Amino acid sequence: MNTLANHGYLPHDGRNITLNNAIFALSTALNFDPALATTMWEHAIVANPEPNATFFTLENLNRHNVLEHDASMSRSDAHFGNNHIFNQTIFNTTRRFWTAETLTPAMLANGKLARQIESRAFNPDYTFTAVNEQFSLGEVAAPVIVFGDMEAGTVYRDLVEFFFEVAHGGTENERLPTELGWTKKVDPVIENDVLGVSKMISEATSLLTGSENGVKVMRQDLHSGIKGFKHVYSGNIRTFTTIWHMNVTEFDRFHDVLMLIGPSYCRDLTPIIIGYRFGYDFASLWQQSCLQLFEGWTRPQGWTASSGCCVI
C-alpha cells in the first residue's frame, strides 16, 4: 500500500483508503481483479478502530497484531520499537537465505523461518498466531504474485531487492521496479492465484524431506470407518475433526505420528481435550501439548479396543 501511495495510485498522505480507492489502485497498478482487491480491502479495514469505518489509513496498518505482526521480512518487532520502518539489518537476515538470482519457494520460506526463529529467540513478547501465519504467508508470497512467475513460484531477486532496499537518498525505496523492466501481469490476478502461491510457500516451510513435504496419514481400518488425520498441512497440524475409537495398535500409530511431527508443531495444539473411558482424569491437561500428554503415556492394564476414545 505504501508503494501504491508513492506512485500516486492511492492518496500520497496515506489517508482515506476507501474500497473504491483500493480497487482502483490495485487493479490499475498491479492488474489485481476487483474481487481480489475487495477481499484485500475487507481484510485491511479491521485495522481502523473506528466503528463502521469506510476507510483506513497507512498508519492504521501499523497497529500491532492486527495485520502487522512479529517476524516481518523487513521490519523490527513492535517490542523493539519502530515496527513500520524498513530495517536493513532485518532485511539482511531474510535475504541471506536467497541463495540464487532466481528466488524459489524454498528460499523465500527459509527467510521467513529464519525471521521467526530469530524473533522467538530474542523477543520476550514474541507472538505469532495462526492468523499471523496466514498474513505472513501472503506477504512472503507477494513478491512472486506481483513481480514473478506464479505458476513456478519464482521471482528474480533483483526485483525484490529493488522494491525493499534503501535508496541512495537514505529512505526506503518502496517503488515498483519498472526501471528494471518489470511490467504488471497481462491477465488479472485472482484470489486463486494468491492462494496457490501462498500454498507453495507454506509447503516449503516444512523441514521434512522425502517424496512429499508435510505428513499425511490416512487410516482406512479404524473402528469408525474411514478416519485419520483430516488435514496435516505443511508439517503443521491444522485441524483434527474426527473422533477416534482406537485399539491399542491404532493408538500406538497415532502416538508415533505425533512424535514424528515433533514438539514444535504439537505445542501449537492448545487447548486440547483428551478423554479416555478407562477412568483417568485428563481434564487438568486441557492446555498441555500433545507431546507432553503422550510422552509419558503408558497403556493402562486391561485397556481394550472398545474402551478408548480420543477427541481432539
C-alpha atoms as a PDB file:
ATOM      1  CA  MET A   1       0.000   0.000   0.000  1.00  0.00           C
ATOM      2  CA  ASN A   2       2.893   2.369   0.743  1.00  0.00           C
ATOM      3  CA  THR A   3       4.222   1.691  -2.735  1.00  0.00           C
ATOM      4  CA  LEU A   4       0.881   2.441  -4.367  1.00  0.00           C
ATOM      5  CA  ALA A   5       0.745   5.722  -2.444  1.00  0.00           C
ATOM      6  CA  ASN A   6       4.308   6.552  -3.522  1.00  0.00           C
ATOM      7  CA  HIS A   7       3.282   6.087  -7.143  1.00  0.00           C
ATOM      8  CA  GLY A   8       0.099   8.140  -6.719  1.00  0.00           C
ATOM      9  CA  TYR A   9      -2.387   5.307  -7.122  1.00  0.00           C
ATOM     10  CA  LEU A  10      -3.501   5.955  -3.535  1.00  0.00           C
ATOM     11  CA  PRO A  11      -3.540   9.327  -1.735  1.00  0.00           C
ATOM     12  CA  HIS A  12       0.038  10.447  -1.086  1.00  0.00           C
ATOM     13  CA  ASP A  13      -0.769  11.199   2.544  1.00  0.00           C
ATOM     14  CA  GLY A  14      -1.783   7.569   3.081  1.00  0.00           C
ATOM     15  CA  ARG A  15      -5.255   8.502   4.278  1.00  0.00           C
ATOM     16  CA  ASN A  16      -8.802   7.840   3.072  1.00  0.00           C
ATOM     17  CA  ILE A  17      -8.144   4.416   1.560  1.00  0.00           C
ATOM     18  CA  THR A  18     -11.733   3.596   0.687  1.00  0.00           C
ATOM     19  CA  LEU A  19     -12.910   0.487  -1.115  1.00  0.00           C
ATOM     20  CA  ASN A  20     -13.147   2.355  -4.416  1.00  0.00           C
ATOM     21  CA  ASN A  21      -9.670   3.832  -3.948  1.00  0.00           C
ATOM     22  CA  ALA A  22      -8.218   0.407  -3.181  1.00  0.00           C
ATOM     23  CA  ILE A  23      -9.877  -1.258  -6.169  1.00  0.00           C
ATOM     24  CA  PHE A  24      -8.611   1.497  -8.469  1.00  0.00           C
ATOM     25  CA  ALA A  25      -5.053   1.336  -7.130  1.00  0.00           C
ATOM     26  CA  LEU A  26      -4.679  -2.443  -7.073  1.00  0.00           C
ATOM     27  CA  SER A  27      -6.295  -3.007 -10.456  1.00  0.00           C
ATOM     28  CA  THR A  28      -4.572  -0.110 -12.227  1.00  0.00           C
ATOM     29  CA  ALA A  29      -1.082  -0.609 -10.829  1.00  0.00           C
ATOM     30  CA  LEU A  30      -0.951  -4.400 -10.442  1.00  0.00           C
ATOM     31  CA  ASN A  31      -3.882  -5.723 -12.504  1.00  0.00           C
ATOM     32  CA  PHE A  32      -5.487  -7.296  -9.458  1.00  0.00           C
ATOM     33  CA  ASP A  33      -9.008  -8.489 -10.139  1.00  0.00           C
ATOM     34  CA  PRO A  34     -11.602  -6.187  -8.464  1.00  0.00           C
ATOM     35  CA  ALA A  35     -12.917  -9.123  -6.422  1.00  0.00           C
ATOM     36  CA  LEU A  36      -9.410  -9.776  -5.072  1.00  0.00           C
ATOM     37  CA  ALA A  37      -8.911  -6.072  -4.365  1.00  0.00           C
ATOM     38  CA  THR A  38     -12.207  -6.041  -2.481  1.00  0.00           C
ATOM     39  CA  THR A  39     -11.150  -9.003  -0.356  1.00  0.00           C
ATOM     40  CA  MET A  40      -7.826  -7.359   0.468  1.00  0.00           C
ATOM     41  CA  TRP A  41      -9.555  -4.130   1.476  1.00  0.00           C
ATOM     42  CA  GLU A  42     -12.012  -6.036   3.662  1.00  0.00           C
ATOM     43  CA  HIS A  43      -9.078  -7.672   5.466  1.00  0.00           C
ATOM     44  CA  ALA A  44      -7.410  -4.302   5.990  1.00  0.00           C
ATOM     45  CA  ILE A  45     -10.437  -2.267   7.116  1.00  0.00           C
ATOM     46  CA  VAL A  46     -10.341  -4.016  10.513  1.00  0.00           C
ATOM     47  CA  ALA A  47      -7.166  -2.049  11.231  1.00  0.00           C
ATOM     48  CA  ASN A  48      -9.274   1.098  11.584  1.00  0.00           C
ATOM     49  CA  PRO A  49     -10.557   1.039  15.177  1.00  0.00           C
ATOM     50  CA  GLU A  50     -13.476   3.358  14.412  1.00  0.00           C
ATOM     51  CA  PRO A  51     -16.880   1.621  14.385  1.00  0.00           C
ATOM     52  CA  ASN A  52     -18.377   1.052  10.924  1.00  0.00           C
ATOM     53  CA  ALA A  53     -15.317   2.556   9.256  1.00  0.00           C
ATOM     54  CA  THR A  54     -15.440   3.038   5.487  1.00  0.00           C
ATOM     55  CA  PHE A  55     -11.737   3.754   5.063  1.00  0.00           C
ATOM     56  CA  PHE A  56      -8.381   3.009   6.643  1.00  0.00           C
ATOM     57  CA  THR A  57      -5.038   4.778   6.632  1.00  0.00           C
ATOM     58  CA  LEU A  58      -1.499   3.563   6.192  1.00  0.00           C
ATOM     59  CA  GLU A  59      -0.931   4.473   9.829  1.00  0.00           C
ATOM     60  CA  ASN A  60      -3.792   2.143  10.827  1.00  0.00           C
ATOM     61  CA  LEU A  61      -1.913  -0.725   9.214  1.00  0.00           C
ATOM     62  CA  ASN A  62       0.898  -0.312  11.755  1.00  0.00           C
ATOM     63  CA  ARG A  63      -1.297  -1.481  14.657  1.00  0.00           C
ATOM     64  CA  HIS A  64       0.473  -4.451  16.188  1.00  0.00           C
ATOM     65  CA  ASN A  65      -1.107  -7.887  15.829  1.00  0.00           C
ATOM     66  CA  VAL A  66      -3.959  -6.695  13.659  1.00  0.00           C
ATOM     67  CA  LEU A  67      -2.286  -7.048  10.271  1.00  0.00           C
ATOM     68  CA  GLU A  68       1.260  -6.088  11.299  1.00  0.00           C
ATOM     69  CA  HIS A  69       2.993  -8.890  13.190  1.00  0.00           C
ATOM     70  CA  ASP A  70       6.281 -10.096  14.628  1.00  0.00           C
ATOM     71  CA  ALA A  71       8.941 -11.717  12.418  1.00  0.00           C
ATOM     72  CA  SER A  72       8.465  -9.393   9.459  1.00  0.00           C
ATOM     73  CA  MET A  73      10.695  -9.811   6.407  1.00  0.00           C
ATOM     74  CA  SER A  74      11.995  -6.254   6.646  1.00  0.00           C
ATOM     75  CA  ARG A  75      10.832  -4.572   9.857  1.00  0.00           C
ATOM     76  CA  SER A  76      11.645  -4.860  13.526  1.00  0.00           C
ATOM     77  CA  ASP A  77       9.227  -6.391  16.028  1.00  0.00           C
ATOM     78  CA  ALA A  78       6.993  -3.973  17.937  1.00  0.00           C
ATOM     79  CA  HIS A  79       8.770  -4.922  21.177  1.00  0.00           C
ATOM     80  CA  PHE A  80      11.954  -3.268  19.926  1.00  0.00           C
ATOM     81  CA  GLY A  81      10.300  -0.016  18.916  1.00  0.00           C
ATOM     82  CA  ASN A  82       9.782   1.002  15.321  1.00  0.00           C
ATOM     83  CA  ASN A  83       7.784  -1.738  13.628  1.00  0.00           C
ATOM     84  CA  HIS A  84       6.818   0.110  10.457  1.00  0.00           C
ATOM     85  CA  ILE A  85      10.066   1.464   9.036  1.00  0.00           C
ATOM     86  CA  PHE A  86      12.376  -0.591   6.830  1.00  0.00           C
ATOM     87  CA  ASN A  87      15.253  -2.124   8.799  1.00  0.00           C
ATOM     88  CA  GLN A  88      18.263  -3.060   6.692  1.00  0.00           C
ATOM     89  CA  THR A  89      19.639  -5.452   9.312  1.00  0.00           C
ATOM     90  CA  ILE A  90      16.352  -7.342   9.490  1.00  0.00           C
ATOM     91  CA  PHE A  91      16.108  -7.496   5.721  1.00  0.00           C
ATOM     92  CA  ASN A  92      19.678  -8.797   5.508  1.00  0.00           C
ATOM     93  CA  THR A  93      18.658 -11.670   7.794  1.00  0.00           C
ATOM     94  CA  THR A  94      15.845 -12.543   5.421  1.00  0.00           C
ATOM     95  CA  ARG A  95      17.769 -12.301   2.181  1.00  0.00           C
ATOM     96  CA  ARG A  96      20.754 -14.225   3.493  1.00  0.00           C
ATOM     97  CA  PHE A  97      18.759 -17.301   2.521  1.00  0.00           C
ATOM     98  CA  TRP A  98      18.104 -16.074  -1.014  1.00  0.00           C
ATOM     99  CA  THR A  99      20.975 -18.036  -2.482  1.00  0.00           C
ATOM    100  CA  ALA A 100      20.414 -17.604  -6.225  1.00  0.00           C
ATOM    101  CA  GLU A 101      19.416 -14.957  -8.734  1.00  0.00           C
ATOM    102  CA  THR A 102      16.004 -16.578  -9.081  1.00  0.00           C
ATOM    103  CA  LEU A 103      14.198 -16.994  -5.777  1.00  0.00           C
ATOM    104  CA  THR A 104      12.282 -20.220  -5.216  1.00  0.00           C
ATOM    105  CA  PRO A 105       9.531 -21.019  -2.694  1.00  0.00           C
ATOM    106  CA  ALA A 106      12.151 -22.813  -0.570  1.00  0.00           C
ATOM    107  CA  MET A 107      14.423 -19.753  -0.422  1.00  0.00           C
ATOM    108  CA  LEU A 108      11.543 -17.452   0.458  1.00  0.00           C
ATOM    109  CA  ALA A 109      10.322 -19.914   3.081  1.00  0.00           C
ATOM    110  CA  ASN A 110      13.823 -20.215   4.555  1.00  0.00           C
ATOM    111  CA  GLY A 111      13.979 -16.456   5.018  1.00  0.00           C
ATOM    112  CA  LYS A 112      10.575 -16.486   6.677  1.00  0.00           C
ATOM    113  CA  LEU A 113      11.557 -19.293   9.057  1.00  0.00           C
ATOM    114  CA  ALA A 114      14.826 -17.574   9.935  1.00  0.00           C
ATOM    115  CA  ARG A 115      12.984 -14.419  10.930  1.00  0.00           C
ATOM    116  CA  GLN A 116      10.525 -16.375  13.050  1.00  0.00           C
ATOM    117  CA  ILE A 117      13.322 -18.223  14.846  1.00  0.00           C
ATOM    118  CA  GLU A 118      15.245 -15.003  15.459  1.00  0.00           C
ATOM    119  CA  SER A 119      12.140 -13.244  16.717  1.00  0.00           C
ATOM    120  CA  ARG A 120      11.136 -16.068  19.038  1.00  0.00           C
ATOM    121  CA  ALA A 121      14.679 -16.315  20.408  1.00  0.00           C
ATOM    122  CA  PHE A 122      15.204 -12.632  21.212  1.00  0.00           C
ATOM    123  CA  ASN A 123      11.767 -11.021  21.544  1.00  0.00           C
ATOM    124  CA  PRO A 124      10.321 -11.732  25.014  1.00  0.00           C
ATOM    125  CA  ASP A 125       6.897 -10.628  23.743  1.00  0.00           C
ATOM    126  CA  TYR A 126       7.039 -12.776  20.611  1.00  0.00           C
ATOM    127  CA  THR A 127       3.549 -13.519  19.324  1.00  0.00           C
ATOM    128  CA  PHE A 128       2.729 -15.445  16.189  1.00  0.00           C
ATOM    129  CA  THR A 129      -0.806 -16.801  15.906  1.00  0.00           C
ATOM    130  CA  ALA A 130      -2.454 -18.858  13.195  1.00  0.00           C
ATOM    131  CA  VAL A 131      -3.925 -15.627  11.815  1.00  0.00           C
ATOM    132  CA  ASN A 132      -0.462 -14.038  11.785  1.00  0.00           C
ATOM    133  CA  GLU A 133       0.789 -17.063   9.862  1.00  0.00           C
ATOM    134  CA  GLN A 134      -1.787 -16.572   7.116  1.00  0.00           C
ATOM    135  CA  PHE A 135      -0.842 -12.914   6.699  1.00  0.00           C
ATOM    136  CA  SER A 136       2.849 -13.824   6.816  1.00  0.00           C
ATOM    137  CA  LEU A 137       2.446 -16.397   4.052  1.00  0.00           C
ATOM    138  CA  GLY A 138       0.654 -13.821   1.930  1.00  0.00           C
ATOM    139  CA  GLU A 139       3.411 -11.287   2.482  1.00  0.00           C
ATOM    140  CA  VAL A 140       6.179 -13.733   1.576  1.00  0.00           C
ATOM    141  CA  ALA A 141       4.193 -14.791  -1.486  1.00  0.00           C
ATOM    142  CA  ALA A 142       3.568 -11.188  -2.575  1.00  0.00           C
ATOM    143  CA  PRO A 143       6.854 -10.698  -4.492  1.00  0.00           C
ATOM    144  CA  VAL A 144       6.066 -13.780  -6.578  1.00  0.00           C
ATOM    145  CA  ILE A 145       2.476 -12.656  -7.131  1.00  0.00           C
ATOM    146  CA  VAL A 146       3.401  -9.124  -8.168  1.00  0.00           C
ATOM    147  CA  PHE A 147       6.847  -9.490  -9.759  1.00  0.00           C
ATOM    148  CA  GLY A 148       7.327 -13.170 -10.537  1.00  0.00           C
ATOM    149  CA  ASP A 149       6.097 -16.362 -12.147  1.00  0.00           C
ATOM    150  CA  MET A 150       3.082 -17.520 -10.159  1.00  0.00           C
ATOM    151  CA  GLU A 151       2.933 -20.922 -11.818  1.00  0.00           C
ATOM    152  CA  ALA A 152       6.554 -21.730 -10.962  1.00  0.00           C
ATOM    153  CA  GLY A 153       6.520 -19.801  -7.690  1.00  0.00           C
ATOM    154  CA  THR A 154       9.714 -17.948  -8.596  1.00  0.00           C
ATOM    155  CA  VAL A 155      10.826 -14.334  -8.819  1.00  0.00           C
ATOM    156  CA  TYR A 156      14.045 -12.549  -9.782  1.00  0.00           C
ATOM    157  CA  ARG A 157      15.944 -11.478  -6.691  1.00  0.00           C
ATOM    158  CA  ASP A 158      16.941  -8.092  -8.098  1.00  0.00           C
ATOM    159  CA  LEU A 159      13.286  -7.084  -8.497  1.00  0.00           C
ATOM    160  CA  VAL A 160      12.540  -7.897  -4.865  1.00  0.00           C
ATOM    161  CA  GLU A 161      15.681  -6.212  -3.560  1.00  0.00           C
ATOM    162  CA  PHE A 162      14.911  -3.100  -5.604  1.00  0.00           C
ATOM    163  CA  PHE A 163      11.473  -2.925  -4.018  1.00  0.00           C
ATOM    164  CA  PHE A 164      12.724  -3.312  -0.438  1.00  0.00           C
ATOM    165  CA  GLU A 165      16.155  -1.728  -0.324  1.00  0.00           C
ATOM    166  CA  VAL A 166      17.025   1.725   0.957  1.00  0.00           C
ATOM    167  CA  ALA A 167      17.619   4.054  -1.966  1.00  0.00           C
ATOM    168  CA  HIS A 168      20.605   6.375  -2.352  1.00  0.00           C
ATOM    169  CA  GLY A 169      18.757   9.155  -0.545  1.00  0.00           C
ATOM    170  CA  GLY A 170      18.666   7.079   2.615  1.00  0.00           C
ATOM    171  CA  THR A 171      14.958   6.279   2.528  1.00  0.00           C
ATOM    172  CA  GLU A 172      13.163   3.041   1.827  1.00  0.00           C
ATOM    173  CA  ASN A 173      12.619   2.548  -1.880  1.00  0.00           C
ATOM    174  CA  GLU A 174       9.111   1.034  -1.909  1.00  0.00           C
ATOM    175  CA  ARG A 175       8.728   1.598  -5.625  1.00  0.00           C
ATOM    176  CA  LEU A 176       7.715  -0.735  -8.404  1.00  0.00           C
ATOM    177  CA  PRO A 177      10.784  -1.942 -10.343  1.00  0.00           C
ATOM    178  CA  THR A 178       9.706  -0.584 -13.726  1.00  0.00           C
ATOM    179  CA  GLU A 179      13.209   0.717 -14.411  1.00  0.00           C
ATOM    180  CA  LEU A 180      14.427  -2.893 -14.247  1.00  0.00           C
ATOM    181  CA  GLY A 181      11.941  -3.915 -16.917  1.00  0.00           C
ATOM    182  CA  TRP A 182       9.073  -5.073 -14.734  1.00  0.00           C
ATOM    183  CA  THR A 183       5.523  -4.727 -16.029  1.00  0.00           C
ATOM    184  CA  LYS A 184       2.251  -5.711 -14.409  1.00  0.00           C
ATOM    185  CA  LYS A 185       0.624  -9.046 -15.208  1.00  0.00           C
ATOM    186  CA  VAL A 186      -1.242  -9.319 -18.518  1.00  0.00           C
ATOM    187  CA  ASP A 187      -4.014 -11.449 -17.031  1.00  0.00           C
ATOM    188  CA  PRO A 188      -5.838 -10.195 -13.943  1.00  0.00           C
ATOM    189  CA  VAL A 189      -4.535 -11.667 -10.699  1.00  0.00           C
ATOM    190  CA  ILE A 190      -7.342 -13.517  -8.922  1.00  0.00           C
ATOM    191  CA  GLU A 191      -7.733 -14.912  -5.424  1.00  0.00           C
ATOM    192  CA  ASN A 192      -6.876 -18.457  -6.509  1.00  0.00           C
ATOM    193  CA  ASP A 193      -3.516 -17.166  -7.769  1.00  0.00           C
ATOM    194  CA  VAL A 194      -2.758 -15.727  -4.349  1.00  0.00           C
ATOM    195  CA  LEU A 195      -3.859 -18.894  -2.582  1.00  0.00           C
ATOM    196  CA  GLY A 196      -1.793 -21.034  -4.944  1.00  0.00           C
ATOM    197  CA  VAL A 197       1.452 -19.156  -4.348  1.00  0.00           C
ATOM    198  CA  SER A 198       0.798 -18.932  -0.608  1.00  0.00           C
ATOM    199  CA  LYS A 199       0.330 -22.697  -0.570  1.00  0.00           C
ATOM    200  CA  MET A 200       3.710 -23.153  -2.284  1.00  0.00           C
ATOM    201  CA  ILE A 201       5.383 -21.059   0.400  1.00  0.00           C
ATOM    202  CA  SER A 202       3.527 -22.876   3.162  1.00  0.00           C
ATOM    203  CA  GLU A 203       4.555 -26.276   1.840  1.00  0.00           C
ATOM    204  CA  ALA A 204       8.150 -25.095   1.550  1.00  0.00           C
ATOM    205  CA  THR A 205       8.257 -24.207   5.249  1.00  0.00           C
ATOM    206  CA  SER A 206       8.284 -27.900   6.144  1.00  0.00           C
ATOM    207  CA  LEU A 207      11.744 -29.104   7.143  1.00  0.00           C
ATOM    208  CA  LEU A 208      10.875 -32.718   6.427  1.00  0.00           C
ATOM    209  CA  THR A 209      12.418 -34.411   3.402  1.00  0.00           C
ATOM    210  CA  GLY A 210      11.121 -37.143   1.151  1.00  0.00           C
ATOM    211  CA  SER A 211       8.706 -37.536  -1.691  1.00  0.00           C
ATOM    212  CA  GLU A 212       6.213 -35.177  -0.055  1.00  0.00           C
ATOM    213  CA  ASN A 213       6.553 -32.086   2.096  1.00  0.00           C
ATOM    214  CA  GLY A 214       4.490 -32.445   5.228  1.00  0.00           C
ATOM    215  CA  VAL A 215       2.997 -35.554   6.755  1.00  0.00           C
ATOM    216  CA  LYS A 216      -0.204 -37.116   5.578  1.00  0.00           C
ATOM    217  CA  VAL A 217      -1.565 -40.179   7.264  1.00  0.00           C
ATOM    218  CA  MET A 218      -4.875 -41.727   6.298  1.00  0.00           C
ATOM    219  CA  ARG A 219      -6.280 -44.748   8.085  1.00  0.00           C
ATOM    220  CA  GLN A 220      -8.907 -46.927   6.438  1.00  0.00           C
ATOM    221  CA  ASP A 221      -9.325 -49.563   9.142  1.00  0.00           C
ATOM    222  CA  LEU A 222     -10.261 -47.741  12.324  1.00  0.00           C
ATOM    223  CA  HIS A 223     -13.427 -48.730  14.207  1.00  0.00           C
ATOM    224  CA  SER A 224     -15.324 -45.680  12.966  1.00  0.00           C
ATOM    225  CA  GLY A 225     -14.638 -46.379   9.296  1.00  0.00           C
ATOM    226  CA  ILE A 226     -12.512 -44.071   7.151  1.00  0.00           C
ATOM    227  CA  LYS A 227     -10.833 -41.989   9.818  1.00  0.00           C
ATOM    228  CA  GLY A 228      -7.475 -40.378  10.266  1.00  0.00           C
ATOM    229  CA  PHE A 229      -5.786 -37.074  10.137  1.00  0.00           C
ATOM    230  CA  LYS A 230      -8.154 -34.996   8.075  1.00  0.00           C
ATOM    231  CA  HIS A 231      -5.587 -32.351   7.349  1.00  0.00           C
ATOM    232  CA  VAL A 232      -1.921 -32.310   8.254  1.00  0.00           C
ATOM    233  CA  TYR A 233      -0.739 -29.387   6.158  1.00  0.00           C
ATOM    234  CA  SER A 234       2.858 -28.404   5.518  1.00  0.00           C
ATOM    235  CA  GLY A 235       4.072 -30.247   8.583  1.00  0.00           C
ATOM    236  CA  ASN A 236       1.702 -28.317  10.835  1.00  0.00           C
ATOM    237  CA  ILE A 237      -1.367 -29.918  12.324  1.00  0.00           C
ATOM    238  CA  ARG A 238      -4.103 -27.578  11.224  1.00  0.00           C
ATOM    239  CA  THR A 239      -7.176 -29.433  12.392  1.00  0.00           C
ATOM    240  CA  PHE A 240      -8.475 -32.732  13.680  1.00  0.00           C
ATOM    241  CA  THR A 241     -12.196 -33.148  13.191  1.00  0.00           C
ATOM    242  CA  THR A 242     -12.520 -36.876  13.776  1.00  0.00           C
ATOM    243  CA  ILE A 243     -13.396 -38.816  16.909  1.00  0.00           C
ATOM    244  CA  TRP A 244     -11.180 -41.861  17.029  1.00  0.00           C
ATOM    245  CA  HIS A 245     -12.205 -45.123  18.612  1.00  0.00           C
ATOM    246  CA  MET A 246      -8.842 -46.810  18.622  1.00  0.00           C
ATOM    247  CA  ASN A 247      -7.483 -50.130  19.582  1.00  0.00           C
ATOM    248  CA  VAL A 248      -4.010 -50.498  21.058  1.00  0.00           C
ATOM    249  CA  THR A 249      -2.184 -50.748  17.719  1.00  0.00           C
ATOM    250  CA  GLU A 250      -4.027 -47.785  16.256  1.00  0.00           C
ATOM    251  CA  PHE A 251      -3.285 -45.639  19.295  1.00  0.00           C
ATOM    252  CA  ASP A 252       0.402 -46.511  19.083  1.00  0.00           C
ATOM    253  CA  ARG A 253       0.463 -45.427  15.432  1.00  0.00           C
ATOM    254  CA  PHE A 254      -1.240 -42.158  16.332  1.00  0.00           C
ATOM    255  CA  HIS A 255       1.362 -41.619  19.048  1.00  0.00           C
ATOM    256  CA  ASP A 256       4.192 -42.377  16.600  1.00  0.00           C
ATOM    257  CA  VAL A 257       2.932 -39.806  14.094  1.00  0.00           C
ATOM    258  CA  LEU A 258       2.794 -37.126  16.774  1.00  0.00           C
ATOM    259  CA  MET A 259       6.377 -37.946  17.701  1.00  0.00           C
ATOM    260  CA  LEU A 260       7.359 -37.741  14.035  1.00  0.00           C
ATOM    261  CA  ILE A 261       5.797 -34.331  13.621  1.00  0.00           C
ATOM    262  CA  GLY A 262       7.715 -33.102  16.627  1.00  0.00           C
ATOM    263  CA  PRO A 263       7.291 -30.879  19.648  1.00  0.00           C
ATOM    264  CA  SER A 264       7.393 -27.530  17.861  1.00  0.00           C
ATOM    265  CA  TYR A 265       4.241 -28.411  15.978  1.00  0.00           C
ATOM    266  CA  CYS A 266       2.475 -30.299  18.742  1.00  0.00           C
ATOM    267  CA  ARG A 267       2.788 -27.397  21.147  1.00  0.00           C
ATOM    268  CA  ASP A 268       0.517 -25.391  18.867  1.00  0.00           C
ATOM    269  CA  LEU A 269      -2.337 -27.769  19.658  1.00  0.00           C
ATOM    270  CA  THR A 270      -3.729 -25.904  22.636  1.00  0.00           C
ATOM    271  CA  PRO A 271      -6.278 -26.135  24.088  1.00  0.00           C
ATOM    272  CA  ILE A 272      -6.573 -29.888  23.642  1.00  0.00           C
ATOM    273  CA  ILE A 273      -9.114 -32.315  25.049  1.00  0.00           C
ATOM    274  CA  ILE A 274      -8.199 -35.921  25.516  1.00  0.00           C
ATOM    275  CA  GLY A 275     -10.741 -38.269  27.080  1.00  0.00           C
ATOM    276  CA  TYR A 276     -10.379 -41.928  27.892  1.00  0.00           C
ATOM    277  CA  ARG A 277     -13.063 -44.218  29.194  1.00  0.00           C
ATOM    278  CA  PHE A 278     -10.708 -46.081  31.498  1.00  0.00           C
ATOM    279  CA  GLY A 279     -11.255 -43.690  34.391  1.00  0.00           C
ATOM    280  CA  TYR A 280      -8.210 -41.436  34.017  1.00  0.00           C
ATOM    281  CA  ASP A 281      -8.893 -37.728  34.563  1.00  0.00           C
ATOM    282  CA  PHE A 282      -7.141 -35.715  31.873  1.00  0.00           C
ATOM    283  CA  ALA A 283      -9.155 -32.517  32.416  1.00  0.00           C
ATOM    284  CA  SER A 284      -6.158 -30.888  34.105  1.00  0.00           C
ATOM    285  CA  LEU A 285      -4.194 -31.345  30.883  1.00  0.00           C
ATOM    286  CA  TRP A 286      -6.532 -29.022  28.968  1.00  0.00           C
ATOM    287  CA  GLN A 287      -3.796 -26.669  27.852  1.00  0.00           C
ATOM    288  CA  GLN A 288      -0.865 -29.049  27.561  1.00  0.00           C
ATOM    289  CA  SER A 289       0.583 -30.088  24.248  1.00  0.00           C
ATOM    290  CA  CYS A 290       0.194 -33.420  22.513  1.00  0.00           C
ATOM    291  CA  LEU A 291       3.820 -34.283  23.126  1.00  0.00           C
ATOM    292  CA  GLN A 292       3.606 -33.500  26.816  1.00  0.00           C
ATOM    293  CA  LEU A 293       0.491 -35.614  27.074  1.00  0.00           C
ATOM    294  CA  PHE A 294       1.655 -38.655  25.178  1.00  0.00           C
ATOM    295  CA  GLU A 295       5.331 -38.611  26.115  1.00  0.00           C
ATOM    296  CA  GLY A 296       4.715 -40.230  29.475  1.00  0.00           C
ATOM    297  CA  TRP A 297       1.695 -42.237  28.481  1.00  0.00           C
ATOM    298  CA  THR A 298       1.606 -45.904  29.353  1.00  0.00           C
ATOM    299  CA  ARG A 299      -1.214 -48.194  28.363  1.00  0.00           C
ATOM    300  CA  PRO A 300      -3.396 -48.979  31.415  1.00  0.00           C
ATOM    301  CA  GLN A 301      -3.801 -52.631  32.209  1.00  0.00           C
ATOM    302  CA  GLY A 302      -6.911 -54.071  30.661  1.00  0.00           C
ATOM    303  CA  TRP A 303      -7.392 -51.276  28.126  1.00  0.00           C
ATOM    304  CA  THR A 304      -9.188 -52.767  25.129  1.00  0.00           C
ATOM    305  CA  ALA A 305     -10.338 -51.740  21.695  1.00  0.00           C
ATOM    306  CA  SER A 306     -13.757 -50.727  22.979  1.00  0.00           C
ATOM    307  CA  SER A 307     -12.540 -48.690  25.936  1.00  0.00           C
ATOM    308  CA  GLY A 308     -10.530 -45.924  24.331  1.00  0.00           C
ATOM    309  CA  CYS A 309     -11.765 -42.700  22.783  1.00  0.00           C
ATOM    310  CA  CYS A 310      -9.644 -39.757  21.722  1.00  0.00           C
ATOM    311  CA  VAL A 311     -11.324 -36.452  20.964  1.00  0.00           C
ATOM    312  CA  ILE A 312      -9.306 -33.592  19.575  1.00  0.00           C
END
